[in-house]
């Protein structure tokens, strides 16, 4: 039987309440699904996501504390997903699903690289989720955003753009205020300019890696959640990130 407090939780949240009052760990996967990801890359990405879901189900600590939201940027729009369902509102806090019940969509590649808009959407989505958690009386760890891309920002017409420079101060200020932590992973054939963009977006947490290393991202999440629970400082997260991103053979085989 549910008590009065449980009945006050929004209906959409019923399926992601873990046992007790464990702190939530919101995670936004912000994934490039533009034309550069067509054929082998998108196949690898879908496979990696499915493998990641299987790994999540075996991690007792994360399966009920991590909540996953998915943002994709490809075609001519940015989409937020609740599991395998596209949401009409990209900043809907309903996008988050408990890790143990998260089922990703089958992603398709095409179109342009709306990276800047995707990052702004991720910031809005995190803010909306934190507000929903506070209203429901739940504690949470600092949300984490993981951007994975093999390209560089474009307009809706497909032209390269420097509009990403306008979002850098926002990201820097939000992270300075500990609103979230942003990881930027360049994969595949990302260009030197693409790397420059990601370094500017996430100067502390940028890496260029091969493959689609979701298993290692999961391990990094587990380690960082443990560090956060102990109240460790930011330097611990930098060490965690450096350790996992330096394991290139492991990432390459992910």
C-alpha atoms as a PDB file:
ATOM      1  CA  UNK A   1       0.000   0.000   0.000  1.00  0.00           C
ATOM      2  CA  UNK A   2       1.244   3.483  -0.872  1.00  0.00           C
ATOM      3  CA  UNK A   3       1.374   6.198   1.780  1.00  0.00           C
ATOM      4  CA  UNK A   4       0.358   9.834   1.307  1.00  0.00           C
ATOM      5  CA  UNK A   5       3.885  10.827   0.269  1.00  0.00           C
ATOM      6  CA  UNK A   6       4.054   8.237  -2.494  1.00  0.00           C
ATOM      7  CA  UNK A   7       0.667   9.372  -3.840  1.00  0.00           C
ATOM      8  CA  UNK A   8       2.037  12.914  -4.122  1.00  0.00           C
ATOM      9  CA  UNK A   9       4.689  11.743  -6.588  1.00  0.00           C
ATOM     10  CA  UNK A  10       3.739  12.613 -10.190  1.00  0.00           C
ATOM     11  CA  UNK A  11       2.251   9.651 -12.042  1.00  0.00           C
ATOM     12  CA  UNK A  12       4.970   9.601 -14.676  1.00  0.00           C
ATOM     13  CA  UNK A  13       7.540   9.105 -11.929  1.00  0.00           C
ATOM     14  CA  UNK A  14       5.942   5.978 -10.423  1.00  0.00           C
ATOM     15  CA  UNK A  15       8.052   3.552 -12.429  1.00  0.00           C
ATOM     16  CA  UNK A  16      11.402   5.096 -11.495  1.00  0.00           C
ATOM     17  CA  UNK A  17      11.137   5.359  -7.719  1.00  0.00           C
ATOM     18  CA  UNK A  18      13.905   3.170  -6.252  1.00  0.00           C
ATOM     19  CA  UNK A  19      13.751   1.416  -2.902  1.00  0.00           C
ATOM     20  CA  UNK A  20      13.993   3.839   0.020  1.00  0.00           C
ATOM     21  CA  UNK A  21      15.035   7.388  -0.690  1.00  0.00           C
ATOM     22  CA  UNK A  22      18.226   6.687  -2.637  1.00  0.00           C
ATOM     23  CA  UNK A  23      19.642   9.700  -4.416  1.00  0.00           C
ATOM     24  CA  UNK A  24      18.896   9.911  -8.108  1.00  0.00           C
ATOM     25  CA  UNK A  25      21.661  10.299 -10.670  1.00  0.00           C
ATOM     26  CA  UNK A  26      20.229  11.989 -13.774  1.00  0.00           C
ATOM     27  CA  UNK A  27      22.186  11.154 -16.921  1.00  0.00           C
ATOM     28  CA  UNK A  28      21.562  12.736 -20.324  1.00  0.00           C
ATOM     29  CA  UNK A  29      23.027  10.945 -23.337  1.00  0.00           C
ATOM     30  CA  UNK A  30      23.353  13.549 -26.084  1.00  0.00           C
ATOM     31  CA  UNK A  31      24.058  11.608 -29.276  1.00  0.00           C
ATOM     32  CA  UNK A  32      24.990  12.661 -32.785  1.00  0.00           C
ATOM     33  CA  UNK A  33      22.769  10.930 -35.376  1.00  0.00           C
ATOM     34  CA  UNK A  34      23.643  13.122 -38.357  1.00  0.00           C
ATOM     35  CA  UNK A  35      24.593  11.898 -41.852  1.00  0.00           C
ATOM     36  CA  UNK A  36      28.241  11.421 -40.875  1.00  0.00           C
ATOM     37  CA  UNK A  37      27.042   8.600 -38.607  1.00  0.00           C
ATOM     38  CA  UNK A  38      25.412   6.671 -41.461  1.00  0.00           C
ATOM     39  CA  UNK A  39      26.087   2.990 -42.170  1.00  0.00           C
ATOM     40  CA  UNK A  40      28.720   1.373 -39.915  1.00  0.00           C
ATOM     41  CA  UNK A  41      28.864   4.120 -37.240  1.00  0.00           C
ATOM     42  CA  UNK A  42      25.120   4.134 -36.515  1.00  0.00           C
ATOM     43  CA  UNK A  43      25.108   0.331 -36.468  1.00  0.00           C
ATOM     44  CA  UNK A  44      27.930   0.401 -33.930  1.00  0.00           C
ATOM     45  CA  UNK A  45      26.130   3.040 -31.877  1.00  0.00           C
ATOM     46  CA  UNK A  46      22.904   1.031 -31.728  1.00  0.00           C
ATOM     47  CA  UNK A  47      24.817  -2.091 -30.768  1.00  0.00           C
ATOM     48  CA  UNK A  48      26.714  -0.259 -28.049  1.00  0.00           C
ATOM     49  CA  UNK A  49      23.492   1.152 -26.598  1.00  0.00           C
ATOM     50  CA  UNK A  50      21.934  -2.311 -26.423  1.00  0.00           C
ATOM     51  CA  UNK A  51      25.026  -3.715 -24.733  1.00  0.00           C
ATOM     52  CA  UNK A  52      25.003  -0.800 -22.298  1.00  0.00           C
ATOM     53  CA  UNK A  53      21.412  -1.558 -21.343  1.00  0.00           C
ATOM     54  CA  UNK A  54      22.370  -5.154 -20.552  1.00  0.00           C
ATOM     55  CA  UNK A  55      25.267  -3.927 -18.405  1.00  0.00           C
ATOM     56  CA  UNK A  56      22.975  -1.518 -16.550  1.00  0.00           C
ATOM     57  CA  UNK A  57      20.635  -4.316 -15.563  1.00  0.00           C
ATOM     58  CA  UNK A  58      23.484  -6.125 -13.777  1.00  0.00           C
ATOM     59  CA  UNK A  59      24.741  -3.110 -11.807  1.00  0.00           C
ATOM     60  CA  UNK A  60      22.771  -3.213  -8.573  1.00  0.00           C
ATOM     61  CA  UNK A  61      23.925   0.226  -7.431  1.00  0.00           C
ATOM     62  CA  UNK A  62      23.088   2.051 -10.647  1.00  0.00           C
ATOM     63  CA  UNK A  63      20.049   0.172 -11.932  1.00  0.00           C
ATOM     64  CA  UNK A  64      17.667   1.978  -9.565  1.00  0.00           C
ATOM     65  CA  UNK A  65      19.502   5.246  -8.946  1.00  0.00           C
ATOM     66  CA  UNK A  66      20.594   6.326 -12.429  1.00  0.00           C
ATOM     67  CA  UNK A  67      17.829   7.776 -14.599  1.00  0.00           C
ATOM     68  CA  UNK A  68      18.520   8.094 -18.293  1.00  0.00           C
ATOM     69  CA  UNK A  69      17.282  10.612 -20.843  1.00  0.00           C
ATOM     70  CA  UNK A  70      18.277  10.482 -24.497  1.00  0.00           C
ATOM     71  CA  UNK A  71      18.727  13.453 -26.828  1.00  0.00           C
ATOM     72  CA  UNK A  72      19.591  12.965 -30.488  1.00  0.00           C
ATOM     73  CA  UNK A  73      20.634  15.555 -33.019  1.00  0.00           C
ATOM     74  CA  UNK A  74      20.305  14.637 -36.674  1.00  0.00           C
ATOM     75  CA  UNK A  75      17.890  15.165 -39.526  1.00  0.00           C
ATOM     76  CA  UNK A  76      16.760  18.772 -39.132  1.00  0.00           C
ATOM     77  CA  UNK A  77      15.772  18.653 -35.483  1.00  0.00           C
ATOM     78  CA  UNK A  78      16.793  17.818 -31.957  1.00  0.00           C
ATOM     79  CA  UNK A  79      14.733  15.083 -30.300  1.00  0.00           C
ATOM     80  CA  UNK A  80      14.290  13.979 -26.707  1.00  0.00           C
ATOM     81  CA  UNK A  81      13.254  10.395 -26.083  1.00  0.00           C
ATOM     82  CA  UNK A  82      11.531   8.622 -23.223  1.00  0.00           C
ATOM     83  CA  UNK A  83      12.998   5.195 -23.816  1.00  0.00           C
ATOM     84  CA  UNK A  84      12.102   4.389 -27.423  1.00  0.00           C
ATOM     85  CA  UNK A  85       9.411   7.092 -27.711  1.00  0.00           C
ATOM     86  CA  UNK A  86      10.032  10.581 -29.087  1.00  0.00           C
ATOM     87  CA  UNK A  87       8.594  13.329 -26.886  1.00  0.00           C
ATOM     88  CA  UNK A  88       6.856  16.387 -28.359  1.00  0.00           C
ATOM     89  CA  UNK A  89       8.608  18.648 -25.841  1.00  0.00           C
ATOM     90  CA  UNK A  90      12.394  18.215 -25.909  1.00  0.00           C
ATOM     91  CA  UNK A  91      12.703  19.675 -22.387  1.00  0.00           C
ATOM     92  CA  UNK A  92      10.053  17.420 -20.807  1.00  0.00           C
ATOM     93  CA  UNK A  93      11.336  15.981 -17.479  1.00  0.00           C
ATOM     94  CA  UNK A  94       9.288  12.910 -18.378  1.00  0.00           C
ATOM     95  CA  UNK A  95      12.186  11.986 -20.686  1.00  0.00           C
ATOM     96  CA  UNK A  96      14.029  10.339 -17.774  1.00  0.00           C
ATOM     97  CA  UNK A  97      13.622   6.601 -17.309  1.00  0.00           C
ATOM     98  CA  UNK A  98      15.080   4.435 -14.534  1.00  0.00           C
ATOM     99  CA  UNK A  99      18.193   2.652 -15.763  1.00  0.00           C
ATOM    100  CA  UNK A 100      16.730  -0.772 -15.006  1.00  0.00           C
ATOM    101  CA  UNK A 101      13.799  -0.155 -17.369  1.00  0.00           C
ATOM    102  CA  UNK A 102      15.538   1.973 -20.018  1.00  0.00           C
ATOM    103  CA  UNK A 103      15.124   0.620 -23.556  1.00  0.00           C
ATOM    104  CA  UNK A 104      16.749   2.725 -26.287  1.00  0.00           C
ATOM    105  CA  UNK A 105      15.245   3.388 -29.706  1.00  0.00           C
ATOM    106  CA  UNK A 106      16.752   2.022 -32.893  1.00  0.00           C
ATOM    107  CA  UNK A 107      18.556   5.143 -34.071  1.00  0.00           C
ATOM    108  CA  UNK A 108      18.843   6.156 -37.707  1.00  0.00           C
ATOM    109  CA  UNK A 109      21.433   8.499 -39.182  1.00  0.00           C
ATOM    110  CA  UNK A 110      20.802  11.394 -41.518  1.00  0.00           C
ATOM    111  CA  UNK A 111      20.723  15.138 -41.889  1.00  0.00           C
ATOM    112  CA  UNK A 112      22.722  17.834 -40.165  1.00  0.00           C
ATOM    113  CA  UNK A 113      24.604  18.295 -36.892  1.00  0.00           C
ATOM    114  CA  UNK A 114      22.552  20.574 -34.630  1.00  0.00           C
ATOM    115  CA  UNK A 115      25.002  20.232 -31.753  1.00  0.00           C
ATOM    116  CA  UNK A 116      24.491  23.706 -30.302  1.00  0.00           C
ATOM    117  CA  UNK A 117      20.723  23.329 -30.123  1.00  0.00           C
ATOM    118  CA  UNK A 118      21.156  19.848 -28.620  1.00  0.00           C
ATOM    119  CA  UNK A 119      23.352  21.231 -25.839  1.00  0.00           C
ATOM    120  CA  UNK A 120      20.867  23.994 -25.053  1.00  0.00           C
ATOM    121  CA  UNK A 121      18.121  21.372 -24.960  1.00  0.00           C
ATOM    122  CA  UNK A 122      20.168  19.236 -22.560  1.00  0.00           C
ATOM    123  CA  UNK A 123      20.623  22.220 -20.221  1.00  0.00           C
ATOM    124  CA  UNK A 124      16.852  22.891 -20.222  1.00  0.00           C
ATOM    125  CA  UNK A 125      16.078  19.210 -19.719  1.00  0.00           C
ATOM    126  CA  UNK A 126      18.399  18.939 -16.718  1.00  0.00           C
ATOM    127  CA  UNK A 127      16.868  22.046 -15.137  1.00  0.00           C
ATOM    128  CA  UNK A 128      13.351  20.685 -15.640  1.00  0.00           C
ATOM    129  CA  UNK A 129      14.272  17.329 -14.147  1.00  0.00           C
ATOM    130  CA  UNK A 130      15.915  18.849 -11.078  1.00  0.00           C
ATOM    131  CA  UNK A 131      12.803  20.950 -10.500  1.00  0.00           C
ATOM    132  CA  UNK A 132      10.573  17.860 -10.755  1.00  0.00           C
ATOM    133  CA  UNK A 133      12.770  15.926  -8.321  1.00  0.00           C
ATOM    134  CA  UNK A 134      12.774  18.781  -5.805  1.00  0.00           C
ATOM    135  CA  UNK A 135       8.998  19.095  -5.993  1.00  0.00           C
ATOM    136  CA  UNK A 136       8.679  15.357  -5.349  1.00  0.00           C
ATOM    137  CA  UNK A 137      11.020  15.599  -2.365  1.00  0.00           C
ATOM    138  CA  UNK A 138      13.840  13.508  -3.853  1.00  0.00           C
ATOM    139  CA  UNK A 139      17.564  14.022  -3.436  1.00  0.00           C
ATOM    140  CA  UNK A 140      19.838  13.823  -6.451  1.00  0.00           C
ATOM    141  CA  UNK A 141      23.475  13.834  -7.405  1.00  0.00           C
ATOM    142  CA  UNK A 142      24.735  16.494  -9.766  1.00  0.00           C
ATOM    143  CA  UNK A 143      23.311  15.585 -13.198  1.00  0.00           C
ATOM    144  CA  UNK A 144      25.719  14.476 -15.900  1.00  0.00           C
ATOM    145  CA  UNK A 145      25.505  15.175 -19.613  1.00  0.00           C
ATOM    146  CA  UNK A 146      27.479  12.975 -21.985  1.00  0.00           C
ATOM    147  CA  UNK A 147      27.866  14.379 -25.507  1.00  0.00           C
ATOM    148  CA  UNK A 148      29.123  11.907 -28.131  1.00  0.00           C
ATOM    149  CA  UNK A 149      29.765  13.107 -31.679  1.00  0.00           C
ATOM    150  CA  UNK A 150      31.933  12.506 -34.737  1.00  0.00           C
ATOM    151  CA  UNK A 151      31.175  15.870 -36.317  1.00  0.00           C
ATOM    152  CA  UNK A 152      31.047  19.608 -35.833  1.00  0.00           C
ATOM    153  CA  UNK A 153      28.106  22.012 -35.454  1.00  0.00           C
ATOM    154  CA  UNK A 154      26.078  22.991 -38.522  1.00  0.00           C
ATOM    155  CA  UNK A 155      23.013  25.051 -39.298  1.00  0.00           C
ATOM    156  CA  UNK A 156      19.712  23.472 -40.343  1.00  0.00           C
ATOM    157  CA  UNK A 157      20.875  23.989 -43.917  1.00  0.00           C
ATOM    158  CA  UNK A 158      23.993  21.936 -43.275  1.00  0.00           C
ATOM    159  CA  UNK A 159      26.532  24.788 -43.268  1.00  0.00           C
ATOM    160  CA  UNK A 160      29.316  24.810 -40.702  1.00  0.00           C
ATOM    161  CA  UNK A 161      28.654  27.408 -38.032  1.00  0.00           C
ATOM    162  CA  UNK A 162      30.345  29.117 -35.109  1.00  0.00           C
ATOM    163  CA  UNK A 163      27.077  29.491 -33.192  1.00  0.00           C
ATOM    164  CA  UNK A 164      28.467  27.031 -30.630  1.00  0.00           C
ATOM    165  CA  UNK A 165      30.643  29.856 -29.298  1.00  0.00           C
ATOM    166  CA  UNK A 166      27.497  31.460 -27.897  1.00  0.00           C
ATOM    167  CA  UNK A 167      26.696  28.453 -25.700  1.00  0.00           C
ATOM    168  CA  UNK A 168      30.195  28.120 -24.199  1.00  0.00           C
ATOM    169  CA  UNK A 169      29.702  30.885 -21.559  1.00  0.00           C
ATOM    170  CA  UNK A 170      26.363  29.339 -20.538  1.00  0.00           C
ATOM    171  CA  UNK A 171      27.914  25.889 -20.138  1.00  0.00           C
ATOM    172  CA  UNK A 172      30.871  27.293 -18.216  1.00  0.00           C
ATOM    173  CA  UNK A 173      28.668  29.300 -15.846  1.00  0.00           C
ATOM    174  CA  UNK A 174      26.238  26.420 -15.253  1.00  0.00           C
ATOM    175  CA  UNK A 175      29.100  24.072 -14.422  1.00  0.00           C
ATOM    176  CA  UNK A 176      30.775  26.669 -12.208  1.00  0.00           C
ATOM    177  CA  UNK A 177      27.503  26.799 -10.260  1.00  0.00           C
ATOM    178  CA  UNK A 178      27.497  22.979 -10.130  1.00  0.00           C
ATOM    179  CA  UNK A 179      24.260  22.655 -12.076  1.00  0.00           C
ATOM    180  CA  UNK A 180      25.618  19.663 -14.005  1.00  0.00           C
ATOM    181  CA  UNK A 181      28.838  18.068 -15.229  1.00  0.00           C
ATOM    182  CA  UNK A 182      29.414  17.847 -19.000  1.00  0.00           C
ATOM    183  CA  UNK A 183      31.522  15.194 -20.732  1.00  0.00           C
ATOM    184  CA  UNK A 184      32.314  15.613 -24.439  1.00  0.00           C
ATOM    185  CA  UNK A 185      33.547  12.568 -26.362  1.00  0.00           C
ATOM    186  CA  UNK A 186      34.792  12.866 -29.947  1.00  0.00           C
ATOM    187  CA  UNK A 187      34.599   9.581 -31.830  1.00  0.00           C
ATOM    188  CA  UNK A 188      35.313   8.155 -35.280  1.00  0.00           C
ATOM    189  CA  UNK A 189      36.630  10.557 -37.875  1.00  0.00           C
ATOM    190  CA  UNK A 190      36.074  13.779 -35.971  1.00  0.00           C
ATOM    191  CA  UNK A 191      38.093  16.622 -37.486  1.00  0.00           C
ATOM    192  CA  UNK A 192      40.630  18.853 -35.702  1.00  0.00           C
ATOM    193  CA  UNK A 193      38.036  21.651 -35.765  1.00  0.00           C
ATOM    194  CA  UNK A 194      35.481  19.302 -34.250  1.00  0.00           C
ATOM    195  CA  UNK A 195      37.938  18.519 -31.482  1.00  0.00           C
ATOM    196  CA  UNK A 196      38.498  22.247 -30.925  1.00  0.00           C
ATOM    197  CA  UNK A 197      34.760  22.707 -30.452  1.00  0.00           C
ATOM    198  CA  UNK A 198      34.528  19.913 -27.897  1.00  0.00           C
ATOM    199  CA  UNK A 199      37.547  21.172 -25.966  1.00  0.00           C
ATOM    200  CA  UNK A 200      35.895  24.591 -25.698  1.00  0.00           C
ATOM    201  CA  UNK A 201      32.585  23.049 -24.643  1.00  0.00           C
ATOM    202  CA  UNK A 202      34.063  20.741 -21.989  1.00  0.00           C
ATOM    203  CA  UNK A 203      37.654  21.815 -21.221  1.00  0.00           C
ATOM    204  CA  UNK A 204      37.978  19.525 -18.185  1.00  0.00           C
ATOM    205  CA  UNK A 205      36.136  16.543 -19.566  1.00  0.00           C
ATOM    206  CA  UNK A 206      37.001  16.181 -23.240  1.00  0.00           C
ATOM    207  CA  UNK A 207      38.494  13.106 -24.916  1.00  0.00           C
ATOM    208  CA  UNK A 208      38.835  11.703 -28.404  1.00  0.00           C
ATOM    209  CA  UNK A 209      38.160   7.970 -28.435  1.00  0.00           C
ATOM    210  CA  UNK A 210      37.438   5.158 -30.817  1.00  0.00           C
ATOM    211  CA  UNK A 211      34.163   3.271 -30.942  1.00  0.00           C
ATOM    212  CA  UNK A 212      31.159   4.071 -28.758  1.00  0.00           C
ATOM    213  CA  UNK A 213      32.349   3.427 -25.206  1.00  0.00           C
ATOM    214  CA  UNK A 214      29.091   3.252 -23.261  1.00  0.00           C
ATOM    215  CA  UNK A 215      30.346   0.445 -21.035  1.00  0.00           C
ATOM    216  CA  UNK A 216      33.192   2.652 -19.870  1.00  0.00           C
ATOM    217  CA  UNK A 217      30.818   5.605 -19.475  1.00  0.00           C
ATOM    218  CA  UNK A 218      28.752   3.380 -17.164  1.00  0.00           C
ATOM    219  CA  UNK A 219      31.841   2.472 -15.127  1.00  0.00           C
ATOM    220  CA  UNK A 220      32.813   6.122 -14.946  1.00  0.00           C
ATOM    221  CA  UNK A 221      29.309   6.994 -13.749  1.00  0.00           C
ATOM    222  CA  UNK A 222      29.541   4.379 -11.027  1.00  0.00           C
ATOM    223  CA  UNK A 223      32.907   5.674  -9.851  1.00  0.00           C
ATOM    224  CA  UNK A 224      31.832   9.309  -9.943  1.00  0.00           C
ATOM    225  CA  UNK A 225      28.576   8.579  -8.090  1.00  0.00           C
ATOM    226  CA  UNK A 226      30.604   6.908  -5.367  1.00  0.00           C
ATOM    227  CA  UNK A 227      32.957   9.889  -5.195  1.00  0.00           C
ATOM    228  CA  UNK A 228      30.010  12.258  -5.030  1.00  0.00           C
ATOM    229  CA  UNK A 229      28.431  10.257  -2.229  1.00  0.00           C
ATOM    230  CA  UNK A 230      31.631  10.696  -0.200  1.00  0.00           C
ATOM    231  CA  UNK A 231      31.720  14.420  -0.876  1.00  0.00           C
ATOM    232  CA  UNK A 232      34.987  14.326  -2.795  1.00  0.00           C
ATOM    233  CA  UNK A 233      36.197  17.404  -4.637  1.00  0.00           C
ATOM    234  CA  UNK A 234      36.207  18.078  -8.370  1.00  0.00           C
ATOM    235  CA  UNK A 235      39.789  16.867  -8.747  1.00  0.00           C
ATOM    236  CA  UNK A 236      38.541  13.331  -8.053  1.00  0.00           C
ATOM    237  CA  UNK A 237      36.243  13.488 -11.072  1.00  0.00           C
ATOM    238  CA  UNK A 238      39.088  14.716 -13.242  1.00  0.00           C
ATOM    239  CA  UNK A 239      41.180  11.751 -12.121  1.00  0.00           C
ATOM    240  CA  UNK A 240      38.295   9.347 -12.768  1.00  0.00           C
ATOM    241  CA  UNK A 241      37.792  10.763 -16.251  1.00  0.00           C
ATOM    242  CA  UNK A 242      41.512  10.668 -17.016  1.00  0.00           C
ATOM    243  CA  UNK A 243      41.755   7.067 -15.854  1.00  0.00           C
ATOM    244  CA  UNK A 244      38.919   5.811 -18.013  1.00  0.00           C
ATOM    245  CA  UNK A 245      39.764   7.843 -21.101  1.00  0.00           C
ATOM    246  CA  UNK A 246      43.398   6.728 -20.973  1.00  0.00           C
ATOM    247  CA  UNK A 247      42.346   3.086 -21.205  1.00  0.00           C
ATOM    248  CA  UNK A 248      42.329   3.289 -24.975  1.00  0.00           C
ATOM    249  CA  UNK A 249      42.520  -0.439 -25.595  1.00  0.00           C
ATOM    250  CA  UNK A 250      39.452  -0.989 -23.434  1.00  0.00           C
ATOM    251  CA  UNK A 251      37.531   1.821 -25.153  1.00  0.00           C
ATOM    252  CA  UNK A 252      38.563   0.583 -28.572  1.00  0.00           C
ATOM    253  CA  UNK A 253      37.213  -2.875 -27.778  1.00  0.00           C
ATOM    254  CA  UNK A 254      33.984  -1.547 -26.225  1.00  0.00           C
END
